[in-house]
PDB file of all heavy atoms in Angstrom:
ATOM      1  N   ILE A   1     140.055 138.441  71.136  1.00  0.00           N
ATOM      2  CA  ILE A   1     138.751 139.023  71.457  1.00  0.00           C
ATOM      3  C   ILE A   1     138.429 140.161  70.496  1.00  0.00           C
ATOM      4  O   ILE A   1     137.314 140.289  69.997  1.00  0.00           O
ATOM      5  CB  ILE A   1     138.721 139.517  72.917  1.00  0.00           C
ATOM      6  CG1 ILE A   1     138.972 138.361  73.875  1.00  0.00           C
ATOM      7  CG2 ILE A   1     137.416 140.216  73.236  1.00  0.00           C
ATOM      8  CD1 ILE A   1     137.948 137.251  73.814  1.00  0.00           C
ATOM      9  N   THR A   2     139.416 140.990  70.194  1.00  0.00           N
ATOM     10  CA  THR A   2     139.216 142.091  69.252  1.00  0.00           C
ATOM     11  C   THR A   2     138.867 141.551  67.877  1.00  0.00           C
ATOM     12  O   THR A   2     137.983 142.068  67.196  1.00  0.00           O
ATOM     13  CB  THR A   2     140.481 142.963  69.173  1.00  0.00           C
ATOM     14  OG1 THR A   2     140.797 143.416  70.478  1.00  0.00           O
ATOM     15  CG2 THR A   2     140.263 144.156  68.270  1.00  0.00           C
ATOM     16  N   SER A   3     139.548 140.507  67.459  1.00  0.00           N
ATOM     17  CA  SER A   3     139.279 139.903  66.155  1.00  0.00           C
ATOM     18  C   SER A   3     137.868 139.320  66.109  1.00  0.00           C
ATOM     19  O   SER A   3     137.146 139.499  65.129  1.00  0.00           O
ATOM     20  CB  SER A   3     140.313 138.813  65.873  1.00  0.00           C
ATOM     21  OG  SER A   3     140.054 138.205  64.641  1.00  0.00           O
ATOM     22  N   LEU A   4     137.458 138.640  67.166  1.00  0.00           N
ATOM     23  CA  LEU A   4     136.103 138.082  67.225  1.00  0.00           C
ATOM     24  C   LEU A   4     135.064 139.188  67.174  1.00  0.00           C
ATOM     25  O   LEU A   4     134.084 139.097  66.439  1.00  0.00           O
ATOM     26  CB  LEU A   4     135.922 137.254  68.499  1.00  0.00           C
ATOM     27  CG  LEU A   4     134.509 136.753  68.747  1.00  0.00           C
ATOM     28  CD1 LEU A   4     134.100 135.740  67.671  1.00  0.00           C
ATOM     29  CD2 LEU A   4     134.385 136.153  70.132  1.00  0.00           C
ATOM     30  N   ARG A   5     135.278 140.268  67.926  1.00  0.00           N
ATOM     31  CA  ARG A   5     134.329 141.384  67.927  1.00  0.00           C
ATOM     32  C   ARG A   5     134.189 141.979  66.537  1.00  0.00           C
ATOM     33  O   ARG A   5     133.104 142.224  66.055  1.00  0.00           O
ATOM     34  CB  ARG A   5     134.788 142.467  68.916  1.00  0.00           C
ATOM     35  CG  ARG A   5     133.858 143.694  68.912  1.00  0.00           C
ATOM     36  CD  ARG A   5     134.507 144.909  69.519  1.00  0.00           C
ATOM     37  NE  ARG A   5     135.795 145.247  68.994  1.00  0.00           N
ATOM     38  CZ  ARG A   5     136.007 145.905  67.837  1.00  0.00           C
ATOM     39  NH1 ARG A   5     135.006 146.256  67.082  1.00  0.00           N
ATOM     40  NH2 ARG A   5     137.231 146.188  67.440  1.00  0.00           N
ATOM     41  N   ARG A   6     135.335 142.181  65.860  1.00  0.00           N
ATOM     42  CA  ARG A   6     135.302 142.748  64.513  1.00  0.00           C
ATOM     43  C   ARG A   6     134.560 141.816  63.553  1.00  0.00           C
ATOM     44  O   ARG A   6     133.747 142.260  62.745  1.00  0.00           O
ATOM     45  CB  ARG A   6     136.722 142.997  64.022  1.00  0.00           C
ATOM     46  CG  ARG A   6     136.753 143.689  62.671  1.00  0.00           C
ATOM     47  CD  ARG A   6     138.131 143.704  62.056  1.00  0.00           C
ATOM     48  NE  ARG A   6     138.506 142.349  61.706  1.00  0.00           N
ATOM     49  CZ  ARG A   6     139.613 141.742  62.108  1.00  0.00           C
ATOM     50  NH1 ARG A   6     140.463 142.339  62.880  1.00  0.00           N
ATOM     51  NH2 ARG A   6     139.867 140.516  61.743  1.00  0.00           N
ATOM     52  N   ASP A   7     134.813 140.530  63.647  1.00  0.00           N
ATOM     53  CA  ASP A   7     134.143 139.574  62.764  1.00  0.00           C
ATOM     54  C   ASP A   7     132.640 139.568  62.983  1.00  0.00           C
ATOM     55  O   ASP A   7     131.865 139.392  62.043  1.00  0.00           O
ATOM     56  CB  ASP A   7     134.707 138.170  62.972  1.00  0.00           C
ATOM     57  CG  ASP A   7     136.142 138.044  62.499  1.00  0.00           C
ATOM     58  OD1 ASP A   7     136.603 138.936  61.738  1.00  0.00           O
ATOM     59  OD2 ASP A   7     136.797 137.066  62.879  1.00  0.00           O
ATOM     60  N   LEU A   8     132.202 139.758  64.217  1.00  0.00           N
ATOM     61  CA  LEU A   8     130.767 139.750  64.513  1.00  0.00           C
ATOM     62  C   LEU A   8     130.094 141.059  64.104  1.00  0.00           C
ATOM     63  O   LEU A   8     128.933 141.072  63.724  1.00  0.00           O
ATOM     64  CB  LEU A   8     130.534 139.495  66.002  1.00  0.00           C
ATOM     65  CG  LEU A   8     130.937 138.113  66.490  1.00  0.00           C
ATOM     66  CD1 LEU A   8     130.819 138.037  68.004  1.00  0.00           C
ATOM     67  CD2 LEU A   8     130.103 137.031  65.833  1.00  0.00           C
ATOM     68  N   GLU A   9     130.811 142.175  64.195  1.00  0.00           N
ATOM     69  CA  GLU A   9     130.226 143.478  63.881  1.00  0.00           C
ATOM     70  C   GLU A   9     130.190 143.786  62.394  1.00  0.00           C
ATOM     71  O   GLU A   9     129.369 144.574  61.952  1.00  0.00           O
ATOM     72  CB  GLU A   9     130.995 144.587  64.598  1.00  0.00           C
ATOM     73  CG  GLU A   9     130.751 144.622  66.074  1.00  0.00           C
ATOM     74  CD  GLU A   9     131.538 145.723  66.746  1.00  0.00           C
ATOM     75  OE1 GLU A   9     132.337 146.400  66.079  1.00  0.00           O
ATOM     76  OE2 GLU A   9     131.349 145.905  67.953  1.00  0.00           O
ATOM     77  N   GLN A  10     131.106 143.224  61.628  1.00  0.00           N
ATOM     78  CA  GLN A  10     131.169 143.521  60.207  1.00  0.00           C
ATOM     79  C   GLN A  10     130.553 142.373  59.424  1.00  0.00           C
ATOM     80  O   GLN A  10     131.150 141.305  59.316  1.00  0.00           O
ATOM     81  CB  GLN A  10     132.612 143.735  59.770  1.00  0.00           C
ATOM     82  CG  GLN A  10     133.221 144.950  60.404  1.00  0.00           C
ATOM     83  CD  GLN A  10     134.656 145.170  59.957  1.00  0.00           C
ATOM     84  OE1 GLN A  10     135.237 144.353  59.266  1.00  0.00           O
ATOM     85  NE2 GLN A  10     135.221 146.276  60.364  1.00  0.00           N
ATOM     86  N   PRO A  11     129.355 142.580  58.903  1.00  0.00           N
ATOM     87  CA  PRO A  11     128.705 141.504  58.160  1.00  0.00           C
ATOM     88  C   PRO A  11     129.434 141.196  56.855  1.00  0.00           C
ATOM     89  O   PRO A  11     130.199 142.018  56.339  1.00  0.00           O
ATOM     90  CB  PRO A  11     127.305 142.053  57.877  1.00  0.00           C
ATOM     91  CG  PRO A  11     127.485 143.531  57.894  1.00  0.00           C
ATOM     92  CD  PRO A  11     128.583 143.808  58.889  1.00  0.00           C
ATOM     93  N   LEU A  12     129.185 140.014  56.341  1.00  0.00           N
ATOM     94  CA  LEU A  12     129.754 139.599  55.072  1.00  0.00           C
ATOM     95  C   LEU A  12     129.234 140.507  53.968  1.00  0.00           C
ATOM     96  O   LEU A  12     128.040 140.781  53.877  1.00  0.00           O
ATOM     97  CB  LEU A  12     129.362 138.148  54.793  1.00  0.00           C
ATOM     98  CG  LEU A  12     129.850 137.547  53.481  1.00  0.00           C
ATOM     99  CD1 LEU A  12     131.368 137.461  53.493  1.00  0.00           C
ATOM    100  CD2 LEU A  12     129.261 136.167  53.296  1.00  0.00           C
ATOM    101  N   LEU A  13     130.115 141.000  53.128  1.00  0.00           N
ATOM    102  CA  LEU A  13     129.734 141.869  52.017  1.00  0.00           C
ATOM    103  C   LEU A  13     129.540 141.018  50.772  1.00  0.00           C
ATOM    104  O   LEU A  13     130.455 140.329  50.338  1.00  0.00           O
ATOM    105  CB  LEU A  13     130.833 142.911  51.776  1.00  0.00           C
ATOM    106  CG  LEU A  13     130.601 143.896  50.640  1.00  0.00           C
ATOM    107  CD1 LEU A  13     129.354 144.731  50.906  1.00  0.00           C
ATOM    108  CD2 LEU A  13     131.810 144.789  50.480  1.00  0.00           C
ATOM    109  N   VAL A  14     128.350 141.048  50.209  1.00  0.00           N
ATOM    110  CA  VAL A  14     128.029 140.261  49.027  1.00  0.00           C
ATOM    111  C   VAL A  14     127.865 141.212  47.849  1.00  0.00           C
ATOM    112  O   VAL A  14     127.078 142.146  47.902  1.00  0.00           O
ATOM    113  CB  VAL A  14     126.728 139.447  49.226  1.00  0.00           C
ATOM    114  CG1 VAL A  14     126.402 138.657  47.990  1.00  0.00           C
ATOM    115  CG2 VAL A  14     126.855 138.549  50.438  1.00  0.00           C
ATOM    116  N   LEU A  15     128.654 140.975  46.775  1.00  0.00           N
ATOM    117  CA  LEU A  15     128.601 141.811  45.584  1.00  0.00           C
ATOM    118  C   LEU A  15     128.288 140.952  44.366  1.00  0.00           C
ATOM    119  O   LEU A  15     128.704 139.791  44.307  1.00  0.00           O
ATOM    120  CB  LEU A  15     129.949 142.491  45.341  1.00  0.00           C
ATOM    121  CG  LEU A  15     130.429 143.487  46.381  1.00  0.00           C
ATOM    122  CD1 LEU A  15     131.854 143.919  46.076  1.00  0.00           C
ATOM    123  CD2 LEU A  15     129.517 144.681  46.432  1.00  0.00           C
ATOM    124  N   PRO A  16     127.569 141.511  43.390  1.00  0.00           N
ATOM    125  CA  PRO A  16     127.381 140.775  42.136  1.00  0.00           C
ATOM    126  C   PRO A  16     128.737 140.509  41.486  1.00  0.00           C
ATOM    127  O   PRO A  16     129.675 141.284  41.655  1.00  0.00           O
ATOM    128  CB  PRO A  16     126.551 141.724  41.278  1.00  0.00           C
ATOM    129  CG  PRO A  16     126.015 142.749  42.208  1.00  0.00           C
ATOM    130  CD  PRO A  16     126.921 142.806  43.393  1.00  0.00           C
ATOM    131  N   ARG A  17     128.840 139.433  40.752  1.00  0.00           N
ATOM    132  CA  ARG A  17     130.114 139.048  40.152  1.00  0.00           C
ATOM    133  C   ARG A  17     130.720 140.163  39.291  1.00  0.00           C
ATOM    134  O   ARG A  17     131.916 140.368  39.271  1.00  0.00           O
ATOM    135  CB  ARG A  17     129.916 137.784  39.321  1.00  0.00           C
ATOM    136  CG  ARG A  17     131.199 137.255  38.739  1.00  0.00           C
ATOM    137  CD  ARG A  17     130.958 135.944  38.016  1.00  0.00           C
ATOM    138  NE  ARG A  17     132.145 135.509  37.345  1.00  0.00           N
ATOM    139  CZ  ARG A  17     133.031 134.683  37.856  1.00  0.00           C
ATOM    140  NH1 ARG A  17     132.846 134.215  39.067  1.00  0.00           N
ATOM    141  NH2 ARG A  17     134.088 134.316  37.170  1.00  0.00           N
ATOM    142  N   ALA A  18     129.893 140.909  38.598  1.00  0.00           N
ATOM    143  CA  ALA A  18     130.387 141.973  37.719  1.00  0.00           C
ATOM    144  C   ALA A  18     131.034 143.110  38.507  1.00  0.00           C
ATOM    145  O   ALA A  18     131.839 143.844  37.975  1.00  0.00           O
ATOM    146  CB  ALA A  18     129.249 142.519  36.870  1.00  0.00           C
ATOM    147  N   ARG A  19     130.706 143.264  39.784  1.00  0.00           N
ATOM    148  CA  ARG A  19     131.237 144.372  40.576  1.00  0.00           C
ATOM    149  C   ARG A  19     132.360 143.952  41.517  1.00  0.00           C
ATOM    150  O   ARG A  19     132.783 144.722  42.356  1.00  0.00           O
ATOM    151  CB  ARG A  19     130.118 144.986  41.402  1.00  0.00           C
ATOM    152  CG  ARG A  19     129.123 145.735  40.527  1.00  0.00           C
ATOM    153  CD  ARG A  19     128.081 146.461  41.336  1.00  0.00           C
ATOM    154  NE  ARG A  19     128.645 147.211  42.432  1.00  0.00           N
ATOM    155  CZ  ARG A  19     127.992 147.486  43.549  1.00  0.00           C
ATOM    156  NH1 ARG A  19     126.763 147.072  43.727  1.00  0.00           N
ATOM    157  NH2 ARG A  19     128.560 148.172  44.511  1.00  0.00           N
ATOM    158  N   LEU A  20     132.838 142.724  41.404  1.00  0.00           N
ATOM    159  CA  LEU A  20     133.910 142.280  42.280  1.00  0.00           C
ATOM    160  C   LEU A  20     135.190 143.055  41.977  1.00  0.00           C
ATOM    161  O   LEU A  20     135.550 143.231  40.823  1.00  0.00           O
ATOM    162  CB  LEU A  20     134.174 140.782  42.105  1.00  0.00           C
ATOM    163  CG  LEU A  20     133.101 139.843  42.636  1.00  0.00           C
ATOM    164  CD1 LEU A  20     133.469 138.402  42.311  1.00  0.00           C
ATOM    165  CD2 LEU A  20     132.955 140.005  44.133  1.00  0.00           C
ATOM    166  N   PRO A  21     135.868 143.524  43.013  1.00  0.00           N
ATOM    167  CA  PRO A  21     137.122 144.248  42.767  1.00  0.00           C
ATOM    168  C   PRO A  21     138.222 143.293  42.330  1.00  0.00           C
ATOM    169  O   PRO A  21     138.204 142.118  42.655  1.00  0.00           O
ATOM    170  CB  PRO A  21     137.443 144.853  44.139  1.00  0.00           C
ATOM    171  CG  PRO A  21     136.738 143.973  45.109  1.00  0.00           C
ATOM    172  CD  PRO A  21     135.505 143.459  44.397  1.00  0.00           C
ATOM    173  N   ARG A  22     139.151 143.818  41.544  1.00  0.00           N
ATOM    174  CA  ARG A  22     140.313 143.010  41.179  1.00  0.00           C
ATOM    175  C   ARG A  22     141.145 142.757  42.420  1.00  0.00           C
ATOM    176  O   ARG A  22     141.197 143.587  43.313  1.00  0.00           O
ATOM    177  CB  ARG A  22     141.157 143.742  40.152  1.00  0.00           C
ATOM    178  CG  ARG A  22     140.530 143.715  38.784  1.00  0.00           C
ATOM    179  CD  ARG A  22     141.506 144.274  37.800  1.00  0.00           C
ATOM    180  NE  ARG A  22     141.021 145.595  37.423  1.00  0.00           N
ATOM    181  CZ  ARG A  22     141.685 146.454  36.714  1.00  0.00           C
ATOM    182  NH1 ARG A  22     142.884 146.178  36.297  1.00  0.00           N
ATOM    183  NH2 ARG A  22     141.169 147.611  36.406  1.00  0.00           N
ATOM    184  N   SER A  23     141.790 141.616  42.462  1.00  0.00           N
ATOM    185  CA  SER A  23     142.606 141.317  43.631  1.00  0.00           C
ATOM    186  C   SER A  23     143.820 142.238  43.645  1.00  0.00           C
ATOM    187  O   SER A  23     144.317 142.660  42.610  1.00  0.00           O
ATOM    188  CB  SER A  23     143.045 139.860  43.620  1.00  0.00           C
ATOM    189  OG  SER A  23     143.860 139.617  42.497  1.00  0.00           O
ATOM    190  N   ALA A  24     144.263 142.557  44.838  1.00  0.00           N
ATOM    191  CA  ALA A  24     145.429 143.417  44.997  1.00  0.00           C
ATOM    192  C   ALA A  24     146.213 142.931  46.196  1.00  0.00           C
ATOM    193  O   ALA A  24     145.638 142.487  47.179  1.00  0.00           O
ATOM    194  CB  ALA A  24     144.985 144.862  45.216  1.00  0.00           C
ATOM    195  N   SER A  25     147.505 142.987  46.104  1.00  0.00           N
ATOM    196  CA  SER A  25     148.312 142.619  47.260  1.00  0.00           C
ATOM    197  C   SER A  25     148.607 143.888  48.055  1.00  0.00           C
ATOM    198  O   SER A  25     148.720 144.979  47.495  1.00  0.00           O
ATOM    199  CB  SER A  25     149.605 141.946  46.819  1.00  0.00           C
ATOM    200  OG  SER A  25     150.383 142.847  46.063  1.00  0.00           O
ATOM    201  N   VAL A  26     148.695 143.740  49.344  1.00  0.00           N
ATOM    202  CA  VAL A  26     148.973 144.860  50.231  1.00  0.00           C
ATOM    203  C   VAL A  26     150.375 144.653  50.784  1.00  0.00           C
ATOM    204  O   VAL A  26     150.605 143.730  51.550  1.00  0.00           O
ATOM    205  CB  VAL A  26     147.934 144.933  51.369  1.00  0.00           C
ATOM    206  CG1 VAL A  26     148.240 146.094  52.281  1.00  0.00           C
ATOM    207  CG2 VAL A  26     146.540 145.049  50.799  1.00  0.00           C
ATOM    208  N   PRO A  27     151.336 145.481  50.377  1.00  0.00           N
ATOM    209  CA  PRO A  27     152.727 145.288  50.785  1.00  0.00           C
ATOM    210  C   PRO A  27     153.007 145.788  52.198  1.00  0.00           C
ATOM    211  O   PRO A  27     153.674 146.796  52.396  1.00  0.00           O
ATOM    212  CB  PRO A  27     153.506 146.091  49.743  1.00  0.00           C
ATOM    213  CG  PRO A  27     152.572 147.193  49.364  1.00  0.00           C
ATOM    214  CD  PRO A  27     151.190 146.594  49.455  1.00  0.00           C
ATOM    215  N   VAL A  28     152.447 145.095  53.202  1.00  0.00           N
ATOM    216  CA  VAL A  28     152.659 145.454  54.600  1.00  0.00           C
ATOM    217  C   VAL A  28     153.008 144.184  55.369  1.00  0.00           C
ATOM    218  O   VAL A  28     152.300 143.186  55.265  1.00  0.00           O
ATOM    219  CB  VAL A  28     151.393 146.097  55.221  1.00  0.00           C
ATOM    220  CG1 VAL A  28     151.574 146.365  56.694  1.00  0.00           C
ATOM    221  CG2 VAL A  28     151.020 147.368  54.493  1.00  0.00           C
ATOM    222  N   GLU A  29     154.110 144.220  56.116  1.00  0.00           N
ATOM    223  CA  GLU A  29     154.467 143.136  57.018  1.00  0.00           C
ATOM    224  C   GLU A  29     154.285 143.663  58.428  1.00  0.00           C
ATOM    225  O   GLU A  29     154.706 144.772  58.734  1.00  0.00           O
ATOM    226  CB  GLU A  29     155.920 142.713  56.822  1.00  0.00           C
ATOM    227  CG  GLU A  29     156.211 142.098  55.482  1.00  0.00           C
ATOM    228  CD  GLU A  29     157.699 141.766  55.358  1.00  0.00           C
ATOM    229  OE1 GLU A  29     158.330 141.431  56.372  1.00  0.00           O
ATOM    230  OE2 GLU A  29     158.202 141.872  54.242  1.00  0.00           O
ATOM    231  N   ALA A  30     153.660 142.851  59.286  1.00  0.00           N
ATOM    232  CA  ALA A  30     153.383 143.330  60.640  1.00  0.00           C
ATOM    233  C   ALA A  30     153.544 142.197  61.638  1.00  0.00           C
ATOM    234  O   ALA A  30     153.506 141.022  61.283  1.00  0.00           O
ATOM    235  CB  ALA A  30     151.968 143.890  60.701  1.00  0.00           C
ATOM    236  N   GLY A  31     153.698 142.578  62.910  1.00  0.00           N
ATOM    237  CA  GLY A  31     153.803 141.612  63.986  1.00  0.00           C
ATOM    238  C   GLY A  31     152.496 140.858  64.179  1.00  0.00           C
ATOM    239  O   GLY A  31     151.457 141.209  63.624  1.00  0.00           O
ATOM    240  N   ALA A  32     152.562 139.820  65.006  1.00  0.00           N
ATOM    241  CA  ALA A  32     151.411 138.939  65.208  1.00  0.00           C
ATOM    242  C   ALA A  32     150.203 139.648  65.818  1.00  0.00           C
ATOM    243  O   ALA A  32     149.072 139.254  65.583  1.00  0.00           O
ATOM    244  CB  ALA A  32     151.815 137.762  66.092  1.00  0.00           C
ATOM    245  N   GLY A  33     150.424 140.713  66.584  1.00  0.00           N
ATOM    246  CA  GLY A  33     149.317 141.398  67.225  1.00  0.00           C
ATOM    247  C   GLY A  33     148.636 142.433  66.358  1.00  0.00           C
ATOM    248  O   GLY A  33     147.637 143.017  66.748  1.00  0.00           O
ATOM    249  N   VAL A  34     149.139 142.667  65.155  1.00  0.00           N
ATOM    250  CA  VAL A  34     148.586 143.709  64.283  1.00  0.00           C
ATOM    251  C   VAL A  34     147.511 143.104  63.380  1.00  0.00           C
ATOM    252  O   VAL A  34     147.719 142.067  62.773  1.00  0.00           O
ATOM    253  CB  VAL A  34     149.691 144.374  63.431  1.00  0.00           C
ATOM    254  CG1 VAL A  34     149.102 145.398  62.478  1.00  0.00           C
ATOM    255  CG2 VAL A  34     150.722 145.023  64.333  1.00  0.00           C
ATOM    256  N   GLN A  35     146.362 143.768  63.330  1.00  0.00           N
ATOM    257  CA  GLN A  35     145.240 143.297  62.521  1.00  0.00           C
ATOM    258  C   GLN A  35     144.876 144.329  61.466  1.00  0.00           C
ATOM    259  O   GLN A  35     144.897 145.526  61.733  1.00  0.00           O
ATOM    260  CB  GLN A  35     144.019 143.043  63.401  1.00  0.00           C
ATOM    261  CG  GLN A  35     144.245 141.998  64.447  1.00  0.00           C
ATOM    262  CD  GLN A  35     143.034 141.839  65.348  1.00  0.00           C
ATOM    263  OE1 GLN A  35     142.005 142.478  65.158  1.00  0.00           O
ATOM    264  NE2 GLN A  35     143.164 140.992  66.332  1.00  0.00           N
TER     265      GLN A  35
END
């Protein structure tokens, strides 16, 4: 339910191709309930 609420409240962010951020990995491992 929390995940659905967050998905509905945060609209899709659209950026021009020139302003797309470089991909980055986030070194965090978490349990199944962590979002």
